[in-house]
PDB file of N, CA and C in Angstrom:
ATOM      1  N   MET A   1     125.668  92.006 121.370  1.00  0.00           N
ATOM      2  CA  MET A   1     124.630  91.212 121.973  1.00  0.00           C
ATOM      3  C   MET A   1     124.168  90.166 120.957  1.00  0.00           C
ATOM      4  N   LEU A   2     124.018  88.944 121.388  1.00  0.00           N
ATOM      5  CA  LEU A   2     123.571  87.847 120.539  1.00  0.00           C
ATOM      6  C   LEU A   2     122.177  87.444 120.970  1.00  0.00           C
ATOM      7  N   HIS A   3     121.275  87.382 120.009  1.00  0.00           N
ATOM      8  CA  HIS A   3     119.902  86.985 120.316  1.00  0.00           C
ATOM      9  C   HIS A   3     119.460  85.964 119.287  1.00  0.00           C
ATOM     10  N   GLN A   4     119.279  84.721 119.713  1.00  0.00           N
ATOM     11  CA  GLN A   4     118.808  83.631 118.864  1.00  0.00           C
ATOM     12  C   GLN A   4     119.540  83.609 117.513  1.00  0.00           C
ATOM     13  N   GLY A   5     120.840  83.655 117.565  1.00  0.00           N
ATOM     14  CA  GLY A   5     121.639  83.591 116.343  1.00  0.00           C
ATOM     15  C   GLY A   5     121.774  84.910 115.617  1.00  0.00           C
ATOM     16  N   ILE A   6     121.131  85.954 116.108  1.00  0.00           N
ATOM     17  CA  ILE A   6     121.209  87.281 115.491  1.00  0.00           C
ATOM     18  C   ILE A   6     122.147  88.128 116.331  1.00  0.00           C
ATOM     19  N   ILE A   7     123.179  88.645 115.703  1.00  0.00           N
ATOM     20  CA  ILE A   7     124.144  89.474 116.410  1.00  0.00           C
ATOM     21  C   ILE A   7     123.706  90.931 116.313  1.00  0.00           C
ATOM     22  N   LEU A   8     123.456  91.537 117.476  1.00  0.00           N
ATOM     23  CA  LEU A   8     123.101  92.949 117.537  1.00  0.00           C
ATOM     24  C   LEU A   8     124.302  93.703 118.084  1.00  0.00           C
ATOM     25  N   ARG A   9     125.103  94.233 117.165  1.00  0.00           N
ATOM     26  CA  ARG A   9     126.307  94.964 117.565  1.00  0.00           C
ATOM     27  C   ARG A   9     126.004  96.435 117.754  1.00  0.00           C
ATOM     28  N   GLU A  10     126.603  96.983 118.781  1.00  0.00           N
ATOM     29  CA  GLU A  10     126.479  98.416 119.064  1.00  0.00           C
ATOM     30  C   GLU A  10     126.809  99.205 117.801  1.00  0.00           C
ATOM     31  N   GLY A  11     125.945 100.124 117.454  1.00  0.00           N
ATOM     32  CA  GLY A  11     126.151 100.939 116.268  1.00  0.00           C
ATOM     33  C   GLY A  11     125.590 100.330 114.991  1.00  0.00           C
ATOM     34  N   HIS A  12     125.132  99.072 115.059  1.00  0.00           N
ATOM     35  CA  HIS A  12     124.597  98.400 113.871  1.00  0.00           C
ATOM     36  C   HIS A  12     123.210  97.808 114.117  1.00  0.00           C
ATOM     37  N   ILE A  13     122.626  98.136 115.247  1.00  0.00           N
ATOM     38  CA  ILE A  13     121.341  97.536 115.621  1.00  0.00           C
ATOM     39  C   ILE A  13     120.252  97.926 114.626  1.00  0.00           C
ATOM     40  N   THR A  14     120.172  99.200 114.285  1.00  0.00           N
ATOM     41  CA  THR A  14     119.143  99.665 113.358  1.00  0.00           C
ATOM     42  C   THR A  14     119.289  98.979 112.011  1.00  0.00           C
ATOM     43  N   ARG A  15     120.488  98.906 111.507  1.00  0.00           N
ATOM     44  CA  ARG A  15     120.737  98.262 110.214  1.00  0.00           C
ATOM     45  C   ARG A  15     120.322  96.788 110.267  1.00  0.00           C
ATOM     46  N   THR A  16     120.676  96.117 111.346  1.00  0.00           N
ATOM     47  CA  THR A  16     120.329  94.700 111.497  1.00  0.00           C
ATOM     48  C   THR A  16     118.810  94.514 111.513  1.00  0.00           C
ATOM     49  N   ILE A  17     118.114  95.337 112.283  1.00  0.00           N
ATOM     50  CA  ILE A  17     116.653  95.244 112.376  1.00  0.00           C
ATOM     51  C   ILE A  17     116.018  95.477 111.005  1.00  0.00           C
ATOM     52  N   TYR A  18     116.469  96.509 110.296  1.00  0.00           N
ATOM     53  CA  TYR A  18     115.877  96.801 108.988  1.00  0.00           C
ATOM     54  C   TYR A  18     116.225  95.741 107.951  1.00  0.00           C
ATOM     55  N   ASN A  19     117.374  95.117 108.066  1.00  0.00           N
ATOM     56  CA  ASN A  19     117.694  93.998 107.172  1.00  0.00           C
ATOM     57  C   ASN A  19     116.794  92.802 107.456  1.00  0.00           C
ATOM     58  N   LEU A  20     116.493  92.557 108.725  1.00  0.00           N
ATOM     59  CA  LEU A  20     115.562  91.486 109.071  1.00  0.00           C
ATOM     60  C   LEU A  20     114.175  91.766 108.491  1.00  0.00           C
ATOM     61  N   ILE A  21     113.749  93.019 108.561  1.00  0.00           N
ATOM     62  CA  ILE A  21     112.457  93.392 107.983  1.00  0.00           C
ATOM     63  C   ILE A  21     112.488  93.196 106.472  1.00  0.00           C
ATOM     64  N   LYS A  22     113.560  93.628 105.838  1.00  0.00           N
ATOM     65  CA  LYS A  22     113.700  93.456 104.386  1.00  0.00           C
ATOM     66  C   LYS A  22     113.605  91.988 104.004  1.00  0.00           C
ATOM     67  N   ASP A  23     114.154  91.121 104.848  1.00  0.00           N
ATOM     68  CA  ASP A  23     114.134  89.676 104.601  1.00  0.00           C
ATOM     69  C   ASP A  23     112.834  89.017 105.097  1.00  0.00           C
ATOM     70  N   LYS A  24     111.889  89.846 105.547  1.00  0.00           N
ATOM     71  CA  LYS A  24     110.583  89.382 106.037  1.00  0.00           C
ATOM     72  C   LYS A  24     110.701  88.446 107.233  1.00  0.00           C
ATOM     73  N   ARG A  25     111.675  88.706 108.066  1.00  0.00           N
ATOM     74  CA  ARG A  25     111.881  87.922 109.288  1.00  0.00           C
ATOM     75  C   ARG A  25     111.238  88.659 110.467  1.00  0.00           C
ATOM     76  N   TYR A  26     109.942  88.843 110.359  1.00  0.00           N
ATOM     77  CA  TYR A  26     109.206  89.658 111.309  1.00  0.00           C
ATOM     78  C   TYR A  26     109.218  89.085 112.720  1.00  0.00           C
ATOM     79  N   GLU A  27     109.130  87.782 112.845  1.00  0.00           N
ATOM     80  CA  GLU A  27     109.171  87.163 114.183  1.00  0.00           C
ATOM     81  C   GLU A  27     110.504  87.463 114.863  1.00  0.00           C
ATOM     82  N   ASP A  28     111.594  87.422 114.094  1.00  0.00           N
ATOM     83  CA  ASP A  28     112.908  87.733 114.660  1.00  0.00           C
ATOM     84  C   ASP A  28     112.989  89.185 115.119  1.00  0.00           C
ATOM     85  N   VAL A  29     112.393  90.088 114.338  1.00  0.00           N
ATOM     86  CA  VAL A  29     112.385  91.503 114.727  1.00  0.00           C
ATOM     87  C   VAL A  29     111.612  91.669 116.032  1.00  0.00           C
ATOM     88  N   ILE A  30     110.454  91.048 116.112  1.00  0.00           N
ATOM     89  CA  ILE A  30     109.634  91.138 117.326  1.00  0.00           C
ATOM     90  C   ILE A  30     110.415  90.615 118.528  1.00  0.00           C
ATOM     91  N   ASP A  31     111.039  89.452 118.376  1.00  0.00           N
ATOM     92  CA  ASP A  31     111.820  88.883 119.475  1.00  0.00           C
ATOM     93  C   ASP A  31     112.945  89.814 119.902  1.00  0.00           C
ATOM     94  N   CYS A  32     113.655  90.374 118.937  1.00  0.00           N
ATOM     95  CA  CYS A  32     114.773  91.276 119.260  1.00  0.00           C
ATOM     96  C   CYS A  32     114.276  92.496 120.030  1.00  0.00           C
ATOM     97  N   ILE A  33     113.211  93.109 119.550  1.00  0.00           N
ATOM     98  CA  ILE A  33     112.707  94.325 120.193  1.00  0.00           C
ATOM     99  C   ILE A  33     112.175  94.020 121.593  1.00  0.00           C
ATOM    100  N   LEU A  34     111.418  92.945 121.723  1.00  0.00           N
ATOM    101  CA  LEU A  34     110.849  92.609 123.031  1.00  0.00           C
ATOM    102  C   LEU A  34     111.916  92.231 124.048  1.00  0.00           C
ATOM    103  N   ASN A  35     113.042  91.723 123.569  1.00  0.00           N
ATOM    104  CA  ASN A  35     114.108  91.307 124.476  1.00  0.00           C
ATOM    105  C   ASN A  35     115.252  92.314 124.568  1.00  0.00           C
ATOM    106  N   PHE A  36     115.040  93.505 124.043  1.00  0.00           N
ATOM    107  CA  PHE A  36     116.098  94.508 124.017  1.00  0.00           C
ATOM    108  C   PHE A  36     115.768  95.659 124.962  1.00  0.00           C
ATOM    109  N   GLY A  37     115.616  95.341 126.218  1.00  0.00           N
ATOM    110  CA  GLY A  37     115.393  96.357 127.240  1.00  0.00           C
ATOM    111  C   GLY A  37     114.106  97.128 127.038  1.00  0.00           C
ATOM    112  N   GLU A  38     114.209  98.432 127.044  1.00  0.00           N
ATOM    113  CA  GLU A  38     113.052  99.315 126.959  1.00  0.00           C
ATOM    114  C   GLU A  38     112.620  99.595 125.526  1.00  0.00           C
ATOM    115  N   ALA A  39     113.215  98.965 124.552  1.00  0.00           N
ATOM    116  CA  ALA A  39     112.925  99.253 123.146  1.00  0.00           C
ATOM    117  C   ALA A  39     111.448  99.104 122.812  1.00  0.00           C
ATOM    118  N   SER A  40     110.773  98.166 123.464  1.00  0.00           N
ATOM    119  CA  SER A  40     109.371  97.913 123.132  1.00  0.00           C
ATOM    120  C   SER A  40     108.426  99.000 123.637  1.00  0.00           C
ATOM    121  N   THR A  41     108.938  99.960 124.394  1.00  0.00           N
ATOM    122  CA  THR A  41     108.091 101.043 124.885  1.00  0.00           C
ATOM    123  C   THR A  41     108.423 102.383 124.238  1.00  0.00           C
ATOM    124  N   THR A  42     109.383 102.393 123.326  1.00  0.00           N
ATOM    125  CA  THR A  42     109.748 103.630 122.649  1.00  0.00           C
ATOM    126  C   THR A  42     108.922 103.803 121.388  1.00  0.00           C
ATOM    127  N   ARG A  43     108.904 105.001 120.870  1.00  0.00           N
ATOM    128  CA  ARG A  43     108.177 105.272 119.631  1.00  0.00           C
ATOM    129  C   ARG A  43     108.691 104.382 118.496  1.00  0.00           C
ATOM    130  N   ALA A  44     109.992 104.318 118.341  1.00  0.00           N
ATOM    131  CA  ALA A  44     110.572 103.502 117.270  1.00  0.00           C
ATOM    132  C   ALA A  44     110.250 102.029 117.460  1.00  0.00           C
ATOM    133  N   GLY A  45     110.403 101.550 118.685  1.00  0.00           N
ATOM    134  CA  GLY A  45     110.143 100.144 118.967  1.00  0.00           C
ATOM    135  C   GLY A  45     108.698  99.767 118.736  1.00  0.00           C
ATOM    136  N   LEU A  46     107.776 100.593 119.226  1.00  0.00           N
ATOM    137  CA  LEU A  46     106.351 100.316 119.041  1.00  0.00           C
ATOM    138  C   LEU A  46     105.965 100.366 117.571  1.00  0.00           C
ATOM    139  N   SER A  47     106.543 101.303 116.840  1.00  0.00           N
ATOM    140  CA  SER A  47     106.252 101.420 115.412  1.00  0.00           C
ATOM    141  C   SER A  47     106.709 100.175 114.652  1.00  0.00           C
ATOM    142  N   LEU A  48     107.907  99.706 114.961  1.00  0.00           N
ATOM    143  CA  LEU A  48     108.413  98.496 114.313  1.00  0.00           C
ATOM    144  C   LEU A  48     107.612  97.267 114.724  1.00  0.00           C
ATOM    145  N   LEU A  49     107.252  97.185 115.988  1.00  0.00           N
ATOM    146  CA  LEU A  49     106.428  96.065 116.445  1.00  0.00           C
ATOM    147  C   LEU A  49     105.078  96.065 115.734  1.00  0.00           C
ATOM    148  N   GLY A  50     104.456  97.238 115.645  1.00  0.00           N
ATOM    149  CA  GLY A  50     103.170  97.344 114.966  1.00  0.00           C
ATOM    150  C   GLY A  50     103.251  96.877 113.523  1.00  0.00           C
ATOM    151  N   LEU A  51     104.290  97.324 112.839  1.00  0.00           N
ATOM    152  CA  LEU A  51     104.499  96.919 111.446  1.00  0.00           C
ATOM    153  C   LEU A  51     104.660  95.406 111.326  1.00  0.00           C
ATOM    154  N   CYS A  52     105.496  94.840 112.158  1.00  0.00           N
ATOM    155  CA  CYS A  52     105.764  93.399 112.085  1.00  0.00           C
ATOM    156  C   CYS A  52     104.538  92.570 112.434  1.00  0.00           C
ATOM    157  N   TYR A  53     103.839  92.967 113.492  1.00  0.00           N
ATOM    158  CA  TYR A  53     102.613  92.254 113.845  1.00  0.00           C
ATOM    159  C   TYR A  53     101.603  92.337 112.697  1.00  0.00           C
ATOM    160  N   TYR A  54     101.473  93.505 112.104  1.00  0.00           N
ATOM    161  CA  TYR A  54     100.524  93.678 111.012  1.00  0.00           C
ATOM    162  C   TYR A  54     100.892  92.773 109.835  1.00  0.00           C
ATOM    163  N   ARG A  55     102.160  92.757 109.481  1.00  0.00           N
ATOM    164  CA  ARG A  55     102.603  91.924 108.351  1.00  0.00           C
ATOM    165  C   ARG A  55     102.405  90.434 108.632  1.00  0.00           C
ATOM    166  N   LEU A  56     102.450  90.056 109.900  1.00  0.00           N
ATOM    167  CA  LEU A  56     102.212  88.657 110.290  1.00  0.00           C
ATOM    168  C   LEU A  56     100.721  88.365 110.474  1.00  0.00           C
ATOM    169  N   GLN A  57      99.900  89.347 110.184  1.00  0.00           N
ATOM    170  CA  GLN A  57      98.448  89.266 110.338  1.00  0.00           C
ATOM    171  C   GLN A  57      98.030  89.032 111.786  1.00  0.00           C
ATOM    172  N   LYS A  58      98.821  89.556 112.698  1.00  0.00           N
ATOM    173  CA  LYS A  58      98.476  89.543 114.121  1.00  0.00           C
ATOM    174  C   LYS A  58      97.914  90.934 114.434  1.00  0.00           C
ATOM    175  N   TYR A  59      96.692  91.141 113.947  1.00  0.00           N
ATOM    176  CA  TYR A  59      96.122  92.486 113.933  1.00  0.00           C
ATOM    177  C   TYR A  59      95.807  93.046 115.313  1.00  0.00           C
ATOM    178  N   GLU A  60      95.413  92.206 116.250  1.00  0.00           N
ATOM    179  CA  GLU A  60      95.131  92.719 117.591  1.00  0.00           C
ATOM    180  C   GLU A  60      96.409  93.207 118.270  1.00  0.00           C
ATOM    181  N   GLU A  61      97.516  92.483 118.079  1.00  0.00           N
ATOM    182  CA  GLU A  61      98.797  92.917 118.630  1.00  0.00           C
ATOM    183  C   GLU A  61      99.249  94.219 117.963  1.00  0.00           C
ATOM    184  N   ALA A  62      99.051  94.300 116.649  1.00  0.00           N
ATOM    185  CA  ALA A  62      99.391  95.529 115.927  1.00  0.00           C
ATOM    186  C   ALA A  62      98.555  96.686 116.452  1.00  0.00           C
ATOM    187  N   ALA A  63      97.259  96.440 116.642  1.00  0.00           N
ATOM    188  CA  ALA A  63      96.368  97.485 117.158  1.00  0.00           C
ATOM    189  C   ALA A  63      96.834  97.981 118.516  1.00  0.00           C
ATOM    190  N   SER A  64      97.285  97.075 119.359  1.00  0.00           N
ATOM    191  CA  SER A  64      97.779  97.463 120.679  1.00  0.00           C
ATOM    192  C   SER A  64      98.978  98.404 120.565  1.00  0.00           C
ATOM    193  N   CYS A  65      99.888  98.073 119.664  1.00  0.00           N
ATOM    194  CA  CYS A  65     101.065  98.934 119.463  1.00  0.00           C
ATOM    195  C   CYS A  65     100.649 100.314 118.966  1.00  0.00           C
ATOM    196  N   TYR A  66      99.760 100.346 117.979  1.00  0.00           N
ATOM    197  CA  TYR A  66      99.338 101.627 117.410  1.00  0.00           C
ATOM    198  C   TYR A  66      98.481 102.435 118.378  1.00  0.00           C
ATOM    199  N   GLU A  67      97.749 101.751 119.249  1.00  0.00           N
ATOM    200  CA  GLU A  67      96.996 102.464 120.284  1.00  0.00           C
ATOM    201  C   GLU A  67      97.968 103.161 121.242  1.00  0.00           C
ATOM    202  N   GLN A  68      99.016 102.446 121.638  1.00  0.00           N
ATOM    203  CA  GLN A  68     100.024 103.049 122.510  1.00  0.00           C
ATOM    204  C   GLN A  68     100.708 104.226 121.820  1.00  0.00           C
ATOM    205  N   LEU A  69     101.020 104.070 120.535  1.00  0.00           N
ATOM    206  CA  LEU A  69     101.655 105.149 119.786  1.00  0.00           C
ATOM    207  C   LEU A  69     100.740 106.363 119.674  1.00  0.00           C
ATOM    208  N   SER A  70      99.433 106.123 119.504  1.00  0.00           N
ATOM    209  CA  SER A  70      98.467 107.229 119.428  1.00  0.00           C
ATOM    210  C   SER A  70      98.469 108.044 120.706  1.00  0.00           C
ATOM    211  N   GLY A  71      98.633 107.370 121.826  1.00  0.00           N
ATOM    212  CA  GLY A  71      98.712 108.076 123.101  1.00  0.00           C
ATOM    213  C   GLY A  71     100.055 108.736 123.322  1.00  0.00           C
ATOM    214  N   LEU A  72     101.111 108.090 122.845  1.00  0.00           N
ATOM    215  CA  LEU A  72     102.470 108.598 123.021  1.00  0.00           C
ATOM    216  C   LEU A  72     102.746 109.822 122.148  1.00  0.00           C
ATOM    217  N   VAL A  73     102.216 109.795 120.920  1.00  0.00           N
ATOM    218  CA  VAL A  73     102.450 110.882 119.959  1.00  0.00           C
ATOM    219  C   VAL A  73     101.096 111.272 119.348  1.00  0.00           C
ATOM    220  N   PRO A  74     100.245 111.956 120.117  1.00  0.00           N
ATOM    221  CA  PRO A  74      98.883 112.237 119.654  1.00  0.00           C
ATOM    222  C   PRO A  74      98.799 113.109 118.395  1.00  0.00           C
ATOM    223  N   LYS A  75      99.822 113.886 118.108  1.00  0.00           N
ATOM    224  CA  LYS A  75      99.791 114.751 116.917  1.00  0.00           C
ATOM    225  C   LYS A  75     100.047 113.982 115.622  1.00  0.00           C
ATOM    226  N   GLU A  76     100.587 112.767 115.732  1.00  0.00           N
ATOM    227  CA  GLU A  76     100.837 111.932 114.550  1.00  0.00           C
ATOM    228  C   GLU A  76      99.565 111.172 114.200  1.00  0.00           C
ATOM    229  N   LYS A  77      98.810 111.692 113.261  1.00  0.00           N
ATOM    230  CA  LYS A  77      97.520 111.115 112.880  1.00  0.00           C
ATOM    231  C   LYS A  77      97.656 109.728 112.257  1.00  0.00           C
ATOM    232  N   LYS A  78      98.814 109.439 111.668  1.00  0.00           N
ATOM    233  CA  LYS A  78      98.983 108.146 111.002  1.00  0.00           C
ATOM    234  C   LYS A  78      98.855 106.987 111.979  1.00  0.00           C
ATOM    235  N   TYR A  79      99.274 107.189 113.234  1.00  0.00           N
ATOM    236  CA  TYR A  79      99.182 106.104 114.206  1.00  0.00           C
ATOM    237  C   TYR A  79      97.727 105.785 114.540  1.00  0.00           C
ATOM    238  N   LYS A  80      96.891 106.798 114.604  1.00  0.00           N
ATOM    239  CA  LYS A  80      95.465 106.578 114.848  1.00  0.00           C
ATOM    240  C   LYS A  80      94.847 105.833 113.652  1.00  0.00           C
ATOM    241  N   PHE A  81      95.273 106.202 112.446  1.00  0.00           N
ATOM    242  CA  PHE A  81      94.791 105.505 111.247  1.00  0.00           C
ATOM    243  C   PHE A  81      95.237 104.044 111.262  1.00  0.00           C
ATOM    244  N   TYR A  82      96.518 103.802 111.572  1.00  0.00           N
ATOM    245  CA  TYR A  82      97.027 102.426 111.626  1.00  0.00           C
ATOM    246  C   TYR A  82      96.316 101.621 112.724  1.00  0.00           C
ATOM    247  N   PHE A  83      96.003 102.289 113.825  1.00  0.00           N
ATOM    248  CA  PHE A  83      95.258 101.662 114.912  1.00  0.00           C
ATOM    249  C   PHE A  83      93.887 101.201 114.392  1.00  0.00           C
ATOM    250  N   ALA A  84      93.180 102.112 113.739  1.00  0.00           N
ATOM    251  CA  ALA A  84      91.861 101.783 113.196  1.00  0.00           C
ATOM    252  C   ALA A  84      91.962 100.691 112.134  1.00  0.00           C
ATOM    253  N   GLN A  85      92.945 100.780 111.279  1.00  0.00           N
ATOM    254  CA  GLN A  85      93.139  99.784 110.221  1.00  0.00           C
ATOM    255  C   GLN A  85      93.380  98.395 110.818  1.00  0.00           C
ATOM    256  N   SER A  86      94.185  98.341 111.865  1.00  0.00           N
ATOM    257  CA  SER A  86      94.472  97.063 112.527  1.00  0.00           C
ATOM    258  C   SER A  86      93.217  96.494 113.189  1.00  0.00           C
ATOM    259  N   LEU A  87      92.449  97.364 113.834  1.00  0.00           N
ATOM    260  CA  LEU A  87      91.197  96.925 114.443  1.00  0.00           C
ATOM    261  C   LEU A  87      90.250  96.368 113.383  1.00  0.00           C
ATOM    262  N   TYR A  88      90.154  97.061 112.268  1.00  0.00           N
ATOM    263  CA  TYR A  88      89.281  96.608 111.181  1.00  0.00           C
ATOM    264  C   TYR A  88      89.717  95.237 110.670  1.00  0.00           C
ATOM    265  N   GLN A  89      91.016  95.066 110.469  1.00  0.00           N
ATOM    266  CA  GLN A  89      91.529  93.784 109.983  1.00  0.00           C
ATOM    267  C   GLN A  89      91.304  92.670 111.007  1.00  0.00           C
ATOM    268  N   ALA A  90      91.243  93.040 112.278  1.00  0.00           N
ATOM    269  CA  ALA A  90      90.998  92.058 113.344  1.00  0.00           C
ATOM    270  C   ALA A  90      89.510  91.718 113.459  1.00  0.00           C
ATOM    271  N   GLY A  91      88.689  92.342 112.607  1.00  0.00           N
ATOM    272  CA  GLY A  91      87.274  92.072 112.634  1.00  0.00           C
ATOM    273  C   GLY A  91      86.515  92.941 113.621  1.00  0.00           C
ATOM    274  N   LEU A  92      87.155  93.996 114.084  1.00  0.00           N
ATOM    275  CA  LEU A  92      86.541  94.893 115.063  1.00  0.00           C
ATOM    276  C   LEU A  92      86.168  96.207 114.385  1.00  0.00           C
ATOM    277  N   SER A  93      85.263  96.125 113.399  1.00  0.00           N
ATOM    278  CA  SER A  93      84.937  97.302 112.584  1.00  0.00           C
ATOM    279  C   SER A  93      84.259  98.418 113.379  1.00  0.00           C
ATOM    280  N   THR A  94      83.432  98.066 114.344  1.00  0.00           N
ATOM    281  CA  THR A  94      82.780  99.102 115.160  1.00  0.00           C
ATOM    282  C   THR A  94      83.815  99.905 115.941  1.00  0.00           C
ATOM    283  N   GLU A  95      84.763  99.200 116.558  1.00  0.00           N
ATOM    284  CA  GLU A  95      85.840  99.860 117.296  1.00  0.00           C
ATOM    285  C   GLU A  95      86.707 100.694 116.355  1.00  0.00           C
ATOM    286  N   ALA A  96      86.950 100.171 115.157  1.00  0.00           N
ATOM    287  CA  ALA A  96      87.751 100.905 114.178  1.00  0.00           C
ATOM    288  C   ALA A  96      87.083 102.222 113.813  1.00  0.00           C
ATOM    289  N   LEU A  97      85.787 102.196 113.584  1.00  0.00           N
ATOM    290  CA  LEU A  97      85.053 103.430 113.243  1.00  0.00           C
ATOM    291  C   LEU A  97      85.075 104.426 114.401  1.00  0.00           C
ATOM    292  N   LYS A  98      84.955 103.925 115.627  1.00  0.00           N
ATOM    293  CA  LYS A  98      85.005 104.811 116.793  1.00  0.00           C
ATOM    294  C   LYS A  98      86.362 105.499 116.899  1.00  0.00           C
ATOM    295  N   THR A  99      87.413 104.756 116.528  1.00  0.00           N
ATOM    296  CA  THR A  99      88.773 105.301 116.598  1.00  0.00           C
ATOM    297  C   THR A  99      88.955 106.470 115.640  1.00  0.00           C
ATOM    298  N   LEU A 100      88.343 106.347 114.468  1.00  0.00           N
ATOM    299  CA  LEU A 100      88.471 107.403 113.467  1.00  0.00           C
ATOM    300  C   LEU A 100      87.533 108.539 113.775  1.00  0.00           C
TER     301      LEU A 100
END
């Protein structure tokens, strides 16, 4: 599969995505995940989206991903923390405190 000049070959998708992250090509990672079927609704996809949005300082988008992850995997406390952290960075400190 070719996406905006990025080749996503079967069996190499994870490696390609992580290389893009290593190269700080967060917008490309977001585009790939959002345009790759159901990937944006999976635990892995949401986690990567949250990370990329956060690194791009798009804190509200990151918070949305981490909120979904908190509901999807409630036993993973780190997602609730990342959710609160993203809210705080977005200037929503009251909401962040409520989350914790």
